[in-house]
C-alpha atoms as a PDB file:
ATOM      1  CA  MET A   1       4.481  -3.424 -20.599  1.00  0.00           C
ATOM      2  CA  ARG A   2       4.445  -1.247 -17.490  1.00  0.00           C
ATOM      3  CA  VAL A   3       1.105  -0.668 -15.764  1.00  0.00           C
ATOM      4  CA  THR A   4       0.372   3.069 -15.800  1.00  0.00           C
ATOM      5  CA  VAL A   5      -2.353   5.437 -14.651  1.00  0.00           C
ATOM      6  CA  ASN A   6      -3.978   4.892 -18.051  1.00  0.00           C
ATOM      7  CA  THR A   7      -3.937   1.124 -17.541  1.00  0.00           C
ATOM      8  CA  ILE A   8      -5.573   1.529 -14.139  1.00  0.00           C
ATOM      9  CA  GLN A   9      -8.324   3.733 -15.566  1.00  0.00           C
ATOM     10  CA  LYS A  10      -8.937   1.245 -18.382  1.00  0.00           C
ATOM     11  CA  PHE A  11      -9.465  -1.483 -15.782  1.00  0.00           C
ATOM     12  CA  LYS A  12     -12.206   0.670 -14.257  1.00  0.00           C
ATOM     13  CA  ASP A  13     -13.743   1.626 -17.590  1.00  0.00           C
ATOM     14  CA  ASN A  14     -13.797  -2.003 -18.755  1.00  0.00           C
ATOM     15  CA  ASN A  15     -15.146  -3.268 -15.424  1.00  0.00           C
ATOM     16  CA  GLU A  16     -12.007  -5.367 -14.902  1.00  0.00           C
ATOM     17  CA  LYS A  17     -10.555  -6.013 -11.457  1.00  0.00           C
ATOM     18  CA  PHE A  18      -6.881  -5.353 -10.736  1.00  0.00           C
ATOM     19  CA  SER A  19      -4.653  -6.496  -7.887  1.00  0.00           C
ATOM     20  CA  VAL A  20      -2.536  -4.544  -5.398  1.00  0.00           C
ATOM     21  CA  LEU A  21      -0.057  -6.112  -2.978  1.00  0.00           C
ATOM     22  CA  THR A  22       2.574  -4.579  -0.732  1.00  0.00           C
ATOM     23  CA  ALA A  23       6.288  -5.345  -0.983  1.00  0.00           C
ATOM     24  CA  TYR A  24       9.257  -3.968   0.901  1.00  0.00           C
ATOM     25  CA  ASP A  25      12.316  -5.549  -0.737  1.00  0.00           C
ATOM     26  CA  TYR A  26      13.801  -6.399  -4.130  1.00  0.00           C
ATOM     27  CA  SER A  27      13.179 -10.147  -4.228  1.00  0.00           C
ATOM     28  CA  THR A  28       9.581  -9.973  -3.003  1.00  0.00           C
ATOM     29  CA  ALA A  29       8.810  -7.252  -5.545  1.00  0.00           C
ATOM     30  CA  LYS A  30      10.439  -9.334  -8.288  1.00  0.00           C
ATOM     31  CA  TYR A  31       8.439 -12.446  -7.459  1.00  0.00           C
ATOM     32  CA  ILE A  32       5.030 -10.815  -7.105  1.00  0.00           C
ATOM     33  CA  ASP A  33       5.701  -8.827 -10.278  1.00  0.00           C
ATOM     34  CA  GLU A  34       6.358 -12.116 -12.077  1.00  0.00           C
ATOM     35  CA  ALA A  35       3.141 -13.488 -10.542  1.00  0.00           C
ATOM     36  CA  GLY A  36       1.132 -10.798 -12.329  1.00  0.00           C
ATOM     37  CA  ILE A  37       0.281  -8.374  -9.517  1.00  0.00           C
ATOM     38  CA  ASP A  38      -0.715  -5.100 -11.179  1.00  0.00           C
ATOM     39  CA  VAL A  39       0.277  -2.562  -8.516  1.00  0.00           C
ATOM     40  CA  ILE A  40       2.968  -2.919  -5.851  1.00  0.00           C
ATOM     41  CA  LEU A  41       2.519  -0.667  -2.846  1.00  0.00           C
ATOM     42  CA  ILE A  42       5.455   0.130  -0.593  1.00  0.00           C
ATOM     43  CA  GLY A  43       3.094   0.505   2.328  1.00  0.00           C
ATOM     44  CA  ASP A  44       4.016   2.324   5.493  1.00  0.00           C
ATOM     45  CA  SER A  45       2.734  -0.897   7.063  1.00  0.00           C
ATOM     46  CA  LEU A  46       6.389  -1.921   6.772  1.00  0.00           C
ATOM     47  CA  ALA A  47       6.914   0.142   9.922  1.00  0.00           C
ATOM     48  CA  MET A  48       5.306  -2.734  11.808  1.00  0.00           C
ATOM     49  CA  THR A  49       5.879  -5.790   9.628  1.00  0.00           C
ATOM     50  CA  ALA A  50       9.479  -5.091   8.569  1.00  0.00           C
ATOM     51  CA  LEU A  51      10.840  -2.746  11.238  1.00  0.00           C
ATOM     52  CA  GLY A  52       8.932  -3.817  14.330  1.00  0.00           C
ATOM     53  CA  TYR A  53       7.406  -0.443  15.221  1.00  0.00           C
ATOM     54  CA  GLU A  54       4.043  -0.339  16.987  1.00  0.00           C
ATOM     55  CA  THR A  55       2.353   2.015  14.493  1.00  0.00           C
ATOM     56  CA  THR A  56       2.976   3.577  11.096  1.00  0.00           C
ATOM     57  CA  HIS A  57       3.825   6.893  12.787  1.00  0.00           C
ATOM     58  CA  SER A  58       7.411   5.874  13.494  1.00  0.00           C
ATOM     59  CA  ILE A  59       8.687   5.534   9.921  1.00  0.00           C
ATOM     60  CA  GLY A  60      10.157   8.523   8.085  1.00  0.00           C
ATOM     61  CA  THR A  61      10.865   9.669   4.557  1.00  0.00           C
ATOM     62  CA  ALA A  62      14.520   8.607   4.646  1.00  0.00           C
ATOM     63  CA  GLU A  63      13.552   5.026   5.449  1.00  0.00           C
ATOM     64  CA  MET A  64      10.846   4.951   2.789  1.00  0.00           C
ATOM     65  CA  THR A  65      13.328   6.005   0.119  1.00  0.00           C
ATOM     66  CA  ILE A  66      15.472   2.946   0.893  1.00  0.00           C
ATOM     67  CA  PHE A  67      12.546   0.544   0.519  1.00  0.00           C
ATOM     68  CA  THR A  68      11.287   2.347  -2.570  1.00  0.00           C
ATOM     69  CA  LYS A  69      14.642   1.924  -4.310  1.00  0.00           C
ATOM     70  CA  ALA A  70      14.687  -1.791  -3.512  1.00  0.00           C
ATOM     71  CA  VAL A  71      11.131  -2.480  -4.677  1.00  0.00           C
ATOM     72  CA  ALA A  72      11.480  -0.383  -7.835  1.00  0.00           C
ATOM     73  CA  LYS A  73      14.501  -2.469  -8.845  1.00  0.00           C
ATOM     74  CA  GLY A  74      12.410  -5.638  -8.653  1.00  0.00           C
ATOM     75  CA  ALA A  75       9.273  -4.481 -10.467  1.00  0.00           C
ATOM     76  CA  ASN A  76       9.343  -4.540 -14.255  1.00  0.00           C
ATOM     77  CA  ARG A  77       5.620  -4.568 -15.109  1.00  0.00           C
ATOM     78  CA  ALA A  78       3.709  -3.550 -11.993  1.00  0.00           C
ATOM     79  CA  MET A  79       3.085   0.084 -11.113  1.00  0.00           C
ATOM     80  CA  VAL A  80       5.109   1.007  -8.014  1.00  0.00           C
ATOM     81  CA  VAL A  81       3.341   3.249  -5.489  1.00  0.00           C
ATOM     82  CA  THR A  82       5.025   4.610  -2.361  1.00  0.00           C
ATOM     83  CA  ASP A  83       3.014   5.307   0.769  1.00  0.00           C
ATOM     84  CA  MET A  84       4.039   8.739   1.985  1.00  0.00           C
ATOM     85  CA  PRO A  85       4.835   8.495   5.710  1.00  0.00           C
ATOM     86  CA  PHE A  86       3.334  10.430   8.585  1.00  0.00           C
ATOM     87  CA  MET A  87       4.054  14.189   8.487  1.00  0.00           C
ATOM     88  CA  SER A  88       5.840  14.015   5.123  1.00  0.00           C
ATOM     89  CA  TYR A  89       3.136  16.029   3.324  1.00  0.00           C
ATOM     90  CA  HIS A  90       1.322  17.871   6.102  1.00  0.00           C
ATOM     91  CA  ALA A  91       3.528  20.884   6.935  1.00  0.00           C
ATOM     92  CA  ASP A  92       3.383  22.813   3.665  1.00  0.00           C
ATOM     93  CA  ILE A  93       3.007  22.265  -0.059  1.00  0.00           C
ATOM     94  CA  ALA A  94       6.672  22.862  -0.845  1.00  0.00           C
ATOM     95  CA  SER A  95       7.941  20.157   1.503  1.00  0.00           C
ATOM     96  CA  ALA A  96       5.160  17.796   0.370  1.00  0.00           C
ATOM     97  CA  VAL A  97       6.174  18.161  -3.276  1.00  0.00           C
ATOM     98  CA  ARG A  98       9.839  17.794  -2.384  1.00  0.00           C
ATOM     99  CA  ASN A  99       9.284  14.630  -0.312  1.00  0.00           C
ATOM    100  CA  CYS A 100       7.009  13.034  -2.879  1.00  0.00           C
ATOM    101  CA  GLY A 101       9.423  13.975  -5.635  1.00  0.00           C
ATOM    102  CA  GLU A 102      12.170  12.064  -3.822  1.00  0.00           C
ATOM    103  CA  MET A 103      10.113   8.887  -4.056  1.00  0.00           C
ATOM    104  CA  ILE A 104       9.681   9.351  -7.797  1.00  0.00           C
ATOM    105  CA  LYS A 105      13.433   9.854  -8.112  1.00  0.00           C
ATOM    106  CA  CYS A 106      13.897   6.586  -6.221  1.00  0.00           C
ATOM    107  CA  GLY A 107      11.811   4.704  -8.780  1.00  0.00           C
ATOM    108  CA  ALA A 108       8.186   5.019  -7.655  1.00  0.00           C
ATOM    109  CA  ASN A 109       5.599   5.630 -10.360  1.00  0.00           C
ATOM    110  CA  ALA A 110       3.133   7.271  -7.967  1.00  0.00           C
ATOM    111  CA  VAL A 111       2.603   8.150  -4.306  1.00  0.00           C
ATOM    112  CA  LYS A 112      -0.250   7.514  -1.874  1.00  0.00           C
ATOM    113  CA  ILE A 113      -1.375  10.053   0.688  1.00  0.00           C
ATOM    114  CA  GLU A 114      -3.990   9.673   3.413  1.00  0.00           C
ATOM    115  CA  GLY A 115      -6.859  11.825   4.537  1.00  0.00           C
ATOM    116  CA  TYR A 116      -8.851  14.833   3.456  1.00  0.00           C
ATOM    117  CA  SER A 117      -8.538  18.573   4.078  1.00  0.00           C
ATOM    118  CA  GLU A 118      -8.173  21.719   2.036  1.00  0.00           C
ATOM    119  CA  HIS A 119      -4.415  21.365   2.477  1.00  0.00           C
ATOM    120  CA  ILE A 120      -4.405  17.809   1.155  1.00  0.00           C
ATOM    121  CA  LEU A 121      -6.524  18.844  -1.826  1.00  0.00           C
ATOM    122  CA  ASP A 122      -3.977  21.571  -2.586  1.00  0.00           C
ATOM    123  CA  VAL A 123      -1.137  19.065  -2.186  1.00  0.00           C
ATOM    124  CA  VAL A 124      -2.780  16.580  -4.573  1.00  0.00           C
ATOM    125  CA  LYS A 125      -3.354  19.289  -7.166  1.00  0.00           C
ATOM    126  CA  ARG A 126       0.222  20.550  -6.939  1.00  0.00           C
ATOM    127  CA  LEU A 127       1.687  17.037  -7.076  1.00  0.00           C
ATOM    128  CA  VAL A 128      -0.260  16.212 -10.217  1.00  0.00           C
ATOM    129  CA  GLU A 129       0.768  19.539 -11.753  1.00  0.00           C
ATOM    130  CA  SER A 130       4.357  18.553 -10.951  1.00  0.00           C
ATOM    131  CA  GLY A 131       4.037  15.210 -12.746  1.00  0.00           C
ATOM    132  CA  ILE A 132       3.533  13.041  -9.668  1.00  0.00           C
ATOM    133  CA  PRO A 133       0.497  10.707  -9.861  1.00  0.00           C
ATOM    134  CA  VAL A 134      -1.447  10.381  -6.603  1.00  0.00           C
ATOM    135  CA  VAL A 135      -3.482   7.619  -4.987  1.00  0.00           C
ATOM    136  CA  ALA A 136      -5.819   9.035  -2.332  1.00  0.00           C
ATOM    137  CA  HIS A 137      -6.871   7.187   0.833  1.00  0.00           C
ATOM    138  CA  LEU A 138     -10.152   7.606   2.758  1.00  0.00           C
ATOM    139  CA  GLY A 139     -12.158   5.676   5.332  1.00  0.00           C
ATOM    140  CA  PHE A 140      -9.945   4.488   8.137  1.00  0.00           C
ATOM    141  CA  THR A 141      -6.630   6.298   7.741  1.00  0.00           C
ATOM    142  CA  PRO A 142      -3.917   4.780   9.983  1.00  0.00           C
ATOM    143  CA  GLN A 143      -1.868   7.973  10.155  1.00  0.00           C
ATOM    144  CA  PHE A 144      -4.885   9.635  11.808  1.00  0.00           C
ATOM    145  CA  LEU A 145      -5.241   6.788  14.316  1.00  0.00           C
ATOM    146  CA  ASN A 146      -5.011   9.079  17.321  1.00  0.00           C
ATOM    147  CA  THR A 147      -7.611  11.577  16.130  1.00  0.00           C
ATOM    148  CA  LEU A 148      -9.962   8.809  14.962  1.00  0.00           C
ATOM    149  CA  GLY A 149      -9.794   7.251  18.413  1.00  0.00           C
ATOM    150  CA  GLY A 150      -8.582   3.807  17.368  1.00  0.00           C
ATOM    151  CA  TYR A 151      -9.166   1.207  14.672  1.00  0.00           C
ATOM    152  CA  LYS A 152     -12.773   2.069  13.873  1.00  0.00           C
ATOM    153  CA  ILE A 153     -14.889   1.277  10.819  1.00  0.00           C
ATOM    154  CA  GLN A 154     -15.748   4.406   8.845  1.00  0.00           C
ATOM    155  CA  GLY A 155     -18.795   5.227   6.717  1.00  0.00           C
ATOM    156  CA  LYS A 156     -21.276   3.081   8.627  1.00  0.00           C
ATOM    157  CA  THR A 157     -24.260   5.399   8.114  1.00  0.00           C
ATOM    158  CA  LYS A 158     -25.777   6.819   4.942  1.00  0.00           C
ATOM    159  CA  GLU A 159     -24.661  10.290   5.997  1.00  0.00           C
ATOM    160  CA  ALA A 160     -21.105   9.104   6.673  1.00  0.00           C
ATOM    161  CA  ALA A 161     -20.949   7.329   3.306  1.00  0.00           C
ATOM    162  CA  GLU A 162     -22.179  10.478   1.574  1.00  0.00           C
ATOM    163  CA  GLU A 163     -19.437  12.465   3.295  1.00  0.00           C
ATOM    164  CA  ILE A 164     -16.744  10.039   2.151  1.00  0.00           C
ATOM    165  CA  LEU A 165     -18.135  10.233  -1.385  1.00  0.00           C
ATOM    166  CA  ARG A 166     -18.060  14.031  -1.248  1.00  0.00           C
ATOM    167  CA  GLN A 167     -14.435  13.966  -0.145  1.00  0.00           C
ATOM    168  CA  ALA A 168     -13.601  11.358  -2.788  1.00  0.00           C
ATOM    169  CA  LYS A 169     -15.087  13.508  -5.537  1.00  0.00           C
ATOM    170  CA  ASP A 170     -13.023  16.468  -4.354  1.00  0.00           C
ATOM    171  CA  LEU A 171      -9.868  14.349  -4.427  1.00  0.00           C
ATOM    172  CA  GLN A 172     -10.829  13.044  -7.866  1.00  0.00           C
ATOM    173  CA  LYS A 173     -11.290  16.615  -9.085  1.00  0.00           C
ATOM    174  CA  ALA A 174      -7.923  17.588  -7.577  1.00  0.00           C
ATOM    175  CA  GLY A 175      -6.285  14.913  -9.741  1.00  0.00           C
ATOM    176  CA  ALA A 176      -6.046  11.669  -7.754  1.00  0.00           C
ATOM    177  CA  PHE A 177      -6.147   8.741 -10.182  1.00  0.00           C
ATOM    178  CA  ALA A 178      -7.284   6.098  -7.672  1.00  0.00           C
ATOM    179  CA  LEU A 179      -8.699   5.877  -4.160  1.00  0.00           C
ATOM    180  CA  VAL A 180      -8.039   3.421  -1.343  1.00  0.00           C
ATOM    181  CA  LEU A 181     -11.070   2.790   0.869  1.00  0.00           C
ATOM    182  CA  GLU A 182     -10.051   1.210   4.168  1.00  0.00           C
ATOM    183  CA  MET A 183     -12.387  -0.420   6.704  1.00  0.00           C
ATOM    184  CA  VAL A 184     -15.557   0.864   5.074  1.00  0.00           C
ATOM    185  CA  PRO A 185     -18.756  -1.251   5.074  1.00  0.00           C
ATOM    186  CA  GLU A 186     -19.257  -3.099   1.804  1.00  0.00           C
ATOM    187  CA  GLU A 187     -22.480  -1.356   0.816  1.00  0.00           C
ATOM    188  CA  SER A 188     -20.989   2.077   1.472  1.00  0.00           C
ATOM    189  CA  ALA A 189     -17.897   1.205  -0.584  1.00  0.00           C
ATOM    190  CA  LYS A 190     -20.113  -0.081  -3.401  1.00  0.00           C
ATOM    191  CA  TYR A 191     -22.074   3.177  -3.435  1.00  0.00           C
ATOM    192  CA  ILE A 192     -18.884   5.260  -3.448  1.00  0.00           C
ATOM    193  CA  THR A 193     -17.300   3.125  -6.186  1.00  0.00           C
ATOM    194  CA  GLU A 194     -20.346   3.394  -8.434  1.00  0.00           C
ATOM    195  CA  ASN A 195     -20.341   7.188  -8.145  1.00  0.00           C
ATOM    196  CA  LEU A 196     -16.676   7.827  -8.935  1.00  0.00           C
ATOM    197  CA  LYS A 197     -14.915   7.993 -12.283  1.00  0.00           C
ATOM    198  CA  ILE A 198     -11.595   6.849 -10.787  1.00  0.00           C
ATOM    199  CA  PRO A 199     -11.097   3.286  -9.515  1.00  0.00           C
ATOM    200  CA  THR A 200     -11.397   2.340  -5.853  1.00  0.00           C
ATOM    201  CA  ILE A 201      -9.073  -0.054  -4.046  1.00  0.00           C
ATOM    202  CA  SER A 202     -10.555  -2.038  -1.179  1.00  0.00           C
ATOM    203  CA  CYS A 203      -8.571  -2.484   2.010  1.00  0.00           C
ATOM    204  CA  GLY A 204     -11.243  -4.205   4.023  1.00  0.00           C
ATOM    205  CA  ALA A 205     -13.996  -2.418   2.089  1.00  0.00           C
ATOM    206  CA  GLY A 206     -15.713  -5.432   0.587  1.00  0.00           C
ATOM    207  CA  ARG A 207     -16.175  -7.020  -2.803  1.00  0.00           C
ATOM    208  CA  TYR A 208     -17.495  -4.201  -4.946  1.00  0.00           C
ATOM    209  CA  CYS A 209     -14.434  -1.968  -5.253  1.00  0.00           C
ATOM    210  CA  ASP A 210     -12.437  -2.041  -8.474  1.00  0.00           C
ATOM    211  CA  SER A 211      -9.405  -3.587  -6.778  1.00  0.00           C
ATOM    212  CA  GLN A 212      -8.211  -5.283  -3.609  1.00  0.00           C
ATOM    213  CA  VAL A 213      -5.035  -4.618  -1.620  1.00  0.00           C
ATOM    214  CA  LEU A 214      -3.440  -6.700   1.119  1.00  0.00           C
ATOM    215  CA  VAL A 215      -0.177  -6.605   3.040  1.00  0.00           C
ATOM    216  CA  CYS A 216       2.199  -9.216   1.625  1.00  0.00           C
ATOM    217  CA  ASP A 217       3.188 -10.487   5.078  1.00  0.00           C
ATOM    218  CA  ASP A 218      -0.467 -11.299   5.781  1.00  0.00           C
ATOM    219  CA  VAL A 219      -0.879 -13.040   2.416  1.00  0.00           C
ATOM    220  CA  PHE A 220       2.317 -15.072   2.849  1.00  0.00           C
ATOM    221  CA  GLY A 221       1.663 -15.900   6.503  1.00  0.00           C
ATOM    222  CA  LYS A 222       4.920 -14.322   7.579  1.00  0.00           C
ATOM    223  CA  PHE A 223       3.789 -11.701  10.111  1.00  0.00           C
ATOM    224  CA  ASP A 224       1.683 -12.895  13.042  1.00  0.00           C
ATOM    225  CA  GLY A 225       1.685  -9.811  15.265  1.00  0.00           C
ATOM    226  CA  PHE A 226      -1.763  -8.792  14.060  1.00  0.00           C
ATOM    227  CA  LYS A 227      -4.132 -10.140  11.396  1.00  0.00           C
ATOM    228  CA  PRO A 228      -6.945  -7.870  10.198  1.00  0.00           C
ATOM    229  CA  LYS A 229     -10.368  -9.481   9.709  1.00  0.00           C
ATOM    230  CA  PHE A 230     -10.247  -8.673   5.995  1.00  0.00           C
ATOM    231  CA  ALA A 231      -6.841 -10.289   5.353  1.00  0.00           C
ATOM    232  CA  ARG A 232      -6.553 -13.781   3.854  1.00  0.00           C
ATOM    233  CA  LYS A 233      -3.590 -16.047   4.557  1.00  0.00           C
ATOM    234  CA  TYR A 234      -2.422 -17.920   1.459  1.00  0.00           C
ATOM    235  CA  GLY A 235       0.739 -19.451   2.904  1.00  0.00           C
ATOM    236  CA  ASP A 236       2.653 -20.187   6.099  1.00  0.00           C
ATOM    237  CA  MET A 237       6.043 -18.561   5.690  1.00  0.00           C
ATOM    238  CA  LYS A 238       6.466 -18.261   9.450  1.00  0.00           C
ATOM    239  CA  SER A 239       6.504 -22.036   9.891  1.00  0.00           C
ATOM    240  CA  PHE A 240       8.637 -22.498   6.776  1.00  0.00           C
ATOM    241  CA  ILE A 241      11.265 -20.015   7.981  1.00  0.00           C
ATOM    242  CA  ILE A 242      11.360 -21.511  11.475  1.00  0.00           C
ATOM    243  CA  ASP A 243      11.642 -25.035  10.043  1.00  0.00           C
ATOM    244  CA  CYS A 244      14.515 -24.084   7.711  1.00  0.00           C
ATOM    245  CA  ALA A 245      16.328 -22.232  10.495  1.00  0.00           C
ATOM    246  CA  LYS A 246      15.969 -25.216  12.854  1.00  0.00           C
ATOM    247  CA  LYS A 247      17.375 -27.577  10.231  1.00  0.00           C
ATOM    248  CA  PHE A 248      20.328 -25.275   9.602  1.00  0.00           C
ATOM    249  CA  ASP A 249      20.925 -24.894  13.324  1.00  0.00           C
ATOM    250  CA  ALA A 250      20.919 -28.679  13.777  1.00  0.00           C
ATOM    251  CA  ASP A 251      23.247 -29.286  10.806  1.00  0.00           C
ATOM    252  CA  VAL A 252      25.743 -26.717  12.086  1.00  0.00           C
ATOM    253  CA  LYS A 253      25.738 -28.196  15.586  1.00  0.00           C
ATOM    254  CA  ASN A 254      26.007 -31.818  14.500  1.00  0.00           C
ATOM    255  CA  GLY A 255      28.695 -31.030  11.954  1.00  0.00           C
ATOM    256  CA  THR A 256      26.830 -31.998   8.795  1.00  0.00           C
ATOM    257  CA  PHE A 257      27.019 -28.478   7.374  1.00  0.00           C
ATOM    258  CA  PRO A 258      29.014 -27.677   5.383  1.00  0.00           C
ATOM    259  CA  SER A 259      29.473 -30.917   3.475  1.00  0.00           C
ATOM    260  CA  GLU A 260      32.378 -31.824   1.250  1.00  0.00           C
ATOM    261  CA  ASP A 261      30.500 -30.390  -1.746  1.00  0.00           C
ATOM    262  CA  GLU A 262      30.071 -27.048   0.036  1.00  0.00           C
ATOM    263  CA  VAL A 263      33.704 -26.199   0.718  1.00  0.00           C
ATOM    264  CA  PHE A 264      36.571 -24.976  -1.484  1.00  0.00           C
END
């Protein structure tokens, strides 16, 4: 049975944890769906891990639709959430609804948008009114990297935590059904989580959120360009891929591939 916004809220209400992992292609989505991951996020992190860009700013809506279609085809149970790329929901409400609606047409079950402002609150409200579920995102917001002045932990003081909670409650009231907290101190995230009705998803925000999210390339050990402190490596796909490629290269060059069984 497909995980829905109701399922996610029940996890929170029943004090049950749920898992979120990124995926960018059909086969990865299929495998992690089979593994039992509850939510698959097509993160704009793919700008760096899959496309080789330096930041998330470089990816656009057209590219995200391609990845959304692929992931949606592979996910049968997990909720599919598309990260809305930089400047895809900032200009005006009409274009925001149109761009987010494209992701739903491509197979996403919800969208994620970063930040807080009166405009974003209006966008969230209009999206929900239009039948598009929204995951909000506070704390460190990568799309605001330049205005934040770098990769800095957010919510380190009591006052800063209170401000994030205030923003979170506004987003909750606007209709967001979940909230990502990124690079927020554990105690601050715990306080915010305990004072919200909607579930929180930790991205480097400690153990007390309702869920945890990681980038699949970090989990699989595939991407080594940058490893956040909060990421855990469960495999070593980089070494596996290099090893397989070396073996293929050697077999081609020494003439042992293809074999008699591998030709027509």
